[in-house]
């Protein structure tokens, strides 16, 4: 998994059964707009598969086509998301704070 482009979730801003909006930091490679990704804990099994990066914004609301290594952005992914499963993985933490769980959006 370390070779694949991926974003580490820092904070969940909005969550619904069809989308996730979060602050995320690129920890490997470059993640591009429209990329297919899986949501999973680092080294773990996917919580949601086949999601799509549908929006990337840098500070100040600047729309971008990519997030590269070391940068942080506001990222929106769309697709089928099991809210209960995501909240169960992050149990014990505030729902918006996901850093201790080390959730990743990993390019397929």
N, C-alpha and C. Protein backbone atom coordinates (compact mmCIF):
# COMPACT_ATOMS: atom_id res chain seq x y z
N UNK A 1 0.82 -1.20 0.00
CA UNK A 1 0.00 0.00 0.00
C UNK A 1 0.86 1.25 0.00
N UNK A 2 2.08 1.23 0.50
CA UNK A 2 2.91 2.42 0.59
C UNK A 2 3.31 2.97 -0.77
N UNK A 3 3.29 2.15 -1.83
CA UNK A 3 3.67 2.61 -3.16
C UNK A 3 2.54 3.36 -3.87
N UNK A 4 1.32 3.14 -3.43
CA UNK A 4 0.16 3.74 -4.09
C UNK A 4 -0.03 5.18 -3.64
N UNK A 5 -0.42 6.09 -4.57
CA UNK A 5 -0.74 7.45 -4.14
C UNK A 5 -1.86 7.40 -3.10
N UNK A 6 -1.73 8.22 -2.06
CA UNK A 6 -2.73 8.19 -1.01
C UNK A 6 -2.78 9.46 -0.20
N UNK A 7 -3.97 9.70 0.35
CA UNK A 7 -4.22 10.83 1.22
C UNK A 7 -4.56 10.31 2.61
N UNK A 8 -4.00 10.95 3.63
CA UNK A 8 -4.31 10.60 5.01
C UNK A 8 -5.35 11.60 5.52
N UNK A 9 -6.49 11.10 6.00
CA UNK A 9 -7.53 11.98 6.50
C UNK A 9 -7.08 12.65 7.80
N UNK A 10 -7.31 13.94 7.87
CA UNK A 10 -6.98 14.71 9.06
C UNK A 10 -8.24 15.05 9.84
N UNK A 11 -9.30 15.45 9.11
CA UNK A 11 -10.56 15.81 9.75
C UNK A 11 -11.71 15.59 8.78
N UNK A 12 -12.77 14.98 9.26
CA UNK A 12 -13.98 14.81 8.46
C UNK A 12 -14.84 16.06 8.66
N UNK A 13 -15.17 16.71 7.55
CA UNK A 13 -15.99 17.92 7.60
C UNK A 13 -17.47 17.59 7.41
N UNK A 14 -17.77 16.71 6.45
CA UNK A 14 -19.15 16.30 6.17
C UNK A 14 -19.14 14.83 5.77
N UNK A 15 -20.18 14.12 6.19
CA UNK A 15 -20.29 12.70 5.87
C UNK A 15 -21.73 12.36 5.58
N UNK A 16 -21.96 11.67 4.47
CA UNK A 16 -23.30 11.20 4.11
C UNK A 16 -23.14 9.83 3.46
N UNK A 17 -24.24 9.14 3.18
CA UNK A 17 -24.12 7.82 2.54
C UNK A 17 -23.52 7.87 1.13
N UNK A 18 -23.45 9.07 0.52
CA UNK A 18 -22.94 9.17 -0.84
C UNK A 18 -21.72 10.07 -0.99
N UNK A 19 -21.27 10.71 0.09
CA UNK A 19 -20.10 11.57 -0.04
C UNK A 19 -19.39 11.78 1.30
N UNK A 20 -18.13 12.12 1.17
CA UNK A 20 -17.27 12.42 2.31
C UNK A 20 -16.46 13.64 1.93
N UNK A 21 -16.52 14.66 2.77
CA UNK A 21 -15.71 15.87 2.57
C UNK A 21 -14.77 15.95 3.76
N UNK A 22 -13.48 16.03 3.48
CA UNK A 22 -12.50 15.96 4.56
C UNK A 22 -11.25 16.78 4.24
N UNK A 23 -10.54 17.13 5.29
CA UNK A 23 -9.21 17.68 5.13
C UNK A 23 -8.27 16.48 5.07
N UNK A 24 -7.38 16.47 4.08
CA UNK A 24 -6.49 15.32 3.90
C UNK A 24 -5.11 15.79 3.46
N UNK A 25 -4.10 15.05 3.89
CA UNK A 25 -2.71 15.34 3.56
C UNK A 25 -2.18 14.24 2.66
N UNK A 26 -1.51 14.61 1.59
CA UNK A 26 -0.94 13.63 0.67
C UNK A 26 0.32 13.04 1.31
N UNK A 27 0.32 11.72 1.50
CA UNK A 27 1.45 11.05 2.14
C UNK A 27 2.21 10.12 1.19
N UNK A 28 1.72 10.00 -0.05
CA UNK A 28 2.42 9.18 -1.05
C UNK A 28 1.95 9.58 -2.44
N UNK A 29 2.89 9.78 -3.33
CA UNK A 29 2.57 10.06 -4.73
C UNK A 29 1.81 11.34 -4.94
N UNK A 30 0.95 11.33 -5.95
CA UNK A 30 0.10 12.46 -6.30
C UNK A 30 -1.30 11.92 -6.55
N UNK A 31 -2.30 12.52 -5.93
CA UNK A 31 -3.68 12.10 -6.08
C UNK A 31 -4.39 13.14 -6.95
N UNK A 32 -5.01 12.67 -8.02
CA UNK A 32 -5.63 13.56 -9.01
C UNK A 32 -7.16 13.56 -8.90
N UNK A 33 -7.74 14.65 -9.35
CA UNK A 33 -9.19 14.77 -9.47
C UNK A 33 -9.71 13.63 -10.34
N UNK A 34 -10.83 13.08 -10.00
CA UNK A 34 -11.50 11.96 -10.70
C UNK A 34 -10.82 10.61 -10.47
N UNK A 35 -9.80 10.54 -9.61
CA UNK A 35 -9.16 9.25 -9.31
C UNK A 35 -10.12 8.35 -8.56
N UNK A 36 -10.05 7.05 -8.83
CA UNK A 36 -10.81 6.05 -8.08
C UNK A 36 -9.99 5.68 -6.85
N UNK A 37 -10.62 5.71 -5.68
CA UNK A 37 -9.92 5.45 -4.42
C UNK A 37 -10.73 4.52 -3.53
N UNK A 38 -10.03 3.89 -2.60
CA UNK A 38 -10.65 3.11 -1.53
C UNK A 38 -10.37 3.83 -0.22
N UNK A 39 -11.31 3.79 0.70
CA UNK A 39 -11.13 4.34 2.04
C UNK A 39 -10.79 3.20 2.96
N UNK A 40 -9.64 3.29 3.64
CA UNK A 40 -9.23 2.20 4.53
C UNK A 40 -8.27 2.71 5.60
N UNK A 41 -8.23 2.01 6.73
CA UNK A 41 -7.20 2.30 7.71
C UNK A 41 -5.85 1.90 7.12
N UNK A 42 -4.78 2.57 7.49
CA UNK A 42 -3.45 2.22 6.97
C UNK A 42 -3.20 0.74 7.24
N UNK A 43 -2.91 -0.01 6.20
CA UNK A 43 -2.62 -1.43 6.33
C UNK A 43 -3.83 -2.30 6.59
N UNK A 44 -5.04 -1.73 6.52
CA UNK A 44 -6.23 -2.51 6.82
C UNK A 44 -7.12 -2.74 5.62
N UNK A 45 -8.22 -3.43 5.87
CA UNK A 45 -9.20 -3.73 4.82
C UNK A 45 -10.05 -2.49 4.53
N UNK A 46 -10.49 -2.32 3.28
CA UNK A 46 -11.29 -1.14 2.92
C UNK A 46 -12.60 -1.03 3.69
N UNK A 47 -12.95 0.20 4.02
CA UNK A 47 -14.25 0.52 4.61
C UNK A 47 -15.22 0.85 3.49
N UNK A 48 -14.70 1.52 2.44
CA UNK A 48 -15.49 1.86 1.25
C UNK A 48 -14.59 1.72 0.04
N UNK A 49 -15.12 1.13 -1.02
CA UNK A 49 -14.34 0.89 -2.23
C UNK A 49 -14.97 1.60 -3.43
N UNK A 50 -14.13 1.92 -4.40
CA UNK A 50 -14.63 2.50 -5.64
C UNK A 50 -15.18 3.91 -5.50
N UNK A 51 -14.63 4.69 -4.57
CA UNK A 51 -15.03 6.08 -4.44
C UNK A 51 -14.31 6.91 -5.51
N UNK A 52 -14.80 8.11 -5.77
CA UNK A 52 -14.19 9.00 -6.76
C UNK A 52 -13.83 10.33 -6.12
N UNK A 53 -12.62 10.81 -6.36
CA UNK A 53 -12.22 12.15 -5.91
C UNK A 53 -12.96 13.13 -6.81
N UNK A 54 -13.94 13.85 -6.25
CA UNK A 54 -14.78 14.72 -7.06
C UNK A 54 -14.46 16.20 -6.90
N UNK A 55 -13.69 16.57 -5.88
CA UNK A 55 -13.29 17.97 -5.69
C UNK A 55 -12.03 18.02 -4.84
N UNK A 56 -11.15 18.96 -5.18
CA UNK A 56 -9.94 19.22 -4.40
C UNK A 56 -9.81 20.74 -4.30
N UNK A 57 -9.67 21.23 -3.06
CA UNK A 57 -9.50 22.67 -2.84
C UNK A 57 -8.32 22.91 -1.92
N UNK A 58 -7.47 23.83 -2.33
CA UNK A 58 -6.38 24.27 -1.46
C UNK A 58 -6.89 25.43 -0.61
N UNK A 59 -6.09 25.91 0.32
CA UNK A 59 -6.47 27.02 1.20
C UNK A 59 -7.02 28.18 0.39
N UNK A 60 -8.04 28.82 0.93
CA UNK A 60 -8.65 29.94 0.25
C UNK A 60 -9.67 29.54 -0.80
N UNK A 61 -10.02 28.25 -0.86
CA UNK A 61 -11.01 27.78 -1.80
C UNK A 61 -10.53 27.66 -3.23
N UNK A 62 -9.22 27.55 -3.42
CA UNK A 62 -8.65 27.43 -4.76
C UNK A 62 -8.85 26.00 -5.27
N UNK A 63 -9.64 25.84 -6.33
CA UNK A 63 -9.88 24.52 -6.91
C UNK A 63 -8.62 24.03 -7.61
N UNK A 64 -8.29 22.75 -7.39
CA UNK A 64 -7.09 22.16 -7.98
C UNK A 64 -7.44 20.83 -8.63
N UNK A 65 -6.54 20.36 -9.50
CA UNK A 65 -6.71 19.08 -10.17
C UNK A 65 -5.95 17.96 -9.49
N UNK A 66 -5.15 18.29 -8.47
CA UNK A 66 -4.32 17.28 -7.82
C UNK A 66 -3.91 17.74 -6.43
N UNK A 67 -3.45 16.78 -5.62
CA UNK A 67 -2.78 17.04 -4.35
C UNK A 67 -1.48 16.26 -4.43
N UNK A 68 -0.36 16.95 -4.23
CA UNK A 68 0.91 16.24 -4.30
C UNK A 68 1.52 16.09 -2.91
N UNK A 69 2.57 15.30 -2.85
CA UNK A 69 3.20 14.90 -1.60
C UNK A 69 3.46 16.07 -0.66
N UNK A 70 2.99 15.91 0.58
CA UNK A 70 3.21 16.90 1.62
C UNK A 70 2.18 18.00 1.71
N UNK A 71 1.33 18.13 0.73
CA UNK A 71 0.31 19.18 0.74
C UNK A 71 -0.98 18.69 1.40
N UNK A 72 -1.71 19.65 1.95
CA UNK A 72 -3.01 19.37 2.57
C UNK A 72 -4.08 20.10 1.79
N UNK A 73 -5.22 19.46 1.62
CA UNK A 73 -6.32 20.05 0.86
C UNK A 73 -7.66 19.61 1.43
N UNK A 74 -8.70 20.33 1.06
CA UNK A 74 -10.06 19.93 1.35
C UNK A 74 -10.50 19.06 0.18
N UNK A 75 -10.83 17.80 0.45
CA UNK A 75 -11.10 16.81 -0.59
C UNK A 75 -12.53 16.28 -0.43
N UNK A 76 -13.22 16.16 -1.53
CA UNK A 76 -14.55 15.54 -1.53
C UNK A 76 -14.49 14.26 -2.36
N UNK A 77 -14.97 13.16 -1.77
CA UNK A 77 -15.09 11.91 -2.50
C UNK A 77 -16.56 11.52 -2.55
N UNK A 78 -16.95 10.90 -3.65
CA UNK A 78 -18.34 10.48 -3.81
C UNK A 78 -18.38 8.99 -4.11
N UNK A 79 -19.49 8.39 -3.76
CA UNK A 79 -19.69 6.96 -3.92
C UNK A 79 -20.43 6.43 -2.72
N UNK A 80 -20.57 5.13 -2.64
CA UNK A 80 -21.29 4.50 -1.54
C UNK A 80 -20.40 4.40 -0.30
N UNK A 81 -20.83 5.06 0.78
CA UNK A 81 -20.05 5.08 2.03
C UNK A 81 -20.93 4.58 3.16
N UNK A 82 -20.48 3.56 3.86
CA UNK A 82 -21.20 3.03 5.01
C UNK A 82 -20.83 3.88 6.22
N UNK A 83 -21.71 4.84 6.55
CA UNK A 83 -21.43 5.76 7.65
C UNK A 83 -21.19 5.02 8.97
N UNK A 84 -22.01 4.01 9.25
CA UNK A 84 -21.88 3.26 10.50
C UNK A 84 -20.52 2.58 10.59
N UNK A 85 -20.06 2.00 9.50
CA UNK A 85 -18.75 1.33 9.50
C UNK A 85 -17.63 2.34 9.71
N UNK A 86 -17.73 3.49 9.08
CA UNK A 86 -16.71 4.52 9.25
C UNK A 86 -16.69 5.02 10.68
N UNK A 87 -17.85 5.25 11.24
CA UNK A 87 -17.90 5.73 12.64
C UNK A 87 -17.43 4.65 13.61
N UNK A 88 -17.66 3.38 13.32
CA UNK A 88 -17.21 2.29 14.18
C UNK A 88 -15.68 2.22 14.20
N UNK A 89 -15.06 2.44 13.05
CA UNK A 89 -13.59 2.42 12.97
C UNK A 89 -13.01 3.56 13.79
N UNK A 90 -13.69 4.70 13.79
CA UNK A 90 -13.20 5.87 14.51
C UNK A 90 -13.78 5.96 15.92
N UNK A 91 -14.40 4.88 16.42
CA UNK A 91 -15.01 4.89 17.75
C UNK A 91 -14.02 5.32 18.82
N UNK A 92 -14.50 6.09 19.77
CA UNK A 92 -13.65 6.56 20.85
C UNK A 92 -13.04 7.92 20.57
N UNK A 93 -13.09 8.34 19.31
CA UNK A 93 -12.60 9.66 18.93
C UNK A 93 -13.79 10.50 18.49
N UNK A 94 -13.65 11.81 18.55
CA UNK A 94 -14.69 12.67 18.00
C UNK A 94 -14.81 12.31 16.52
N UNK A 95 -16.03 12.25 15.98
CA UNK A 95 -16.21 11.80 14.60
C UNK A 95 -15.39 12.58 13.58
N UNK A 96 -15.13 13.85 13.86
CA UNK A 96 -14.37 14.64 12.90
C UNK A 96 -12.86 14.47 13.04
N UNK A 97 -12.39 13.89 14.13
CA UNK A 97 -10.97 13.69 14.36
C UNK A 97 -10.59 12.26 14.04
N UNK A 98 -9.89 12.05 12.95
CA UNK A 98 -9.59 10.71 12.50
C UNK A 98 -8.10 10.39 12.49
N UNK A 99 -7.27 11.32 12.91
CA UNK A 99 -5.82 11.11 12.86
C UNK A 99 -5.38 9.86 13.61
N UNK A 100 -5.88 9.60 14.84
CA UNK A 100 -5.41 8.39 15.56
C UNK A 100 -5.72 7.09 14.82
N UNK A 101 -6.76 7.06 14.00
CA UNK A 101 -7.15 5.85 13.28
C UNK A 101 -6.31 5.66 12.02
N UNK A 102 -5.73 6.76 11.51
CA UNK A 102 -4.89 6.74 10.31
C UNK A 102 -5.66 6.23 9.10
N UNK A 103 -6.81 6.88 8.82
CA UNK A 103 -7.61 6.53 7.64
C UNK A 103 -6.97 7.11 6.39
N UNK A 104 -7.02 6.35 5.30
CA UNK A 104 -6.40 6.76 4.04
C UNK A 104 -7.36 6.62 2.88
N UNK A 105 -7.24 7.52 1.93
CA UNK A 105 -7.87 7.39 0.62
C UNK A 105 -6.76 6.93 -0.30
N UNK A 106 -6.84 5.69 -0.75
CA UNK A 106 -5.77 5.05 -1.52
C UNK A 106 -6.21 4.86 -2.96
N UNK A 107 -5.40 5.37 -3.90
CA UNK A 107 -5.73 5.26 -5.31
C UNK A 107 -5.69 3.80 -5.72
N UNK A 108 -6.69 3.36 -6.47
CA UNK A 108 -6.82 1.97 -6.92
C UNK A 108 -5.92 1.72 -8.11
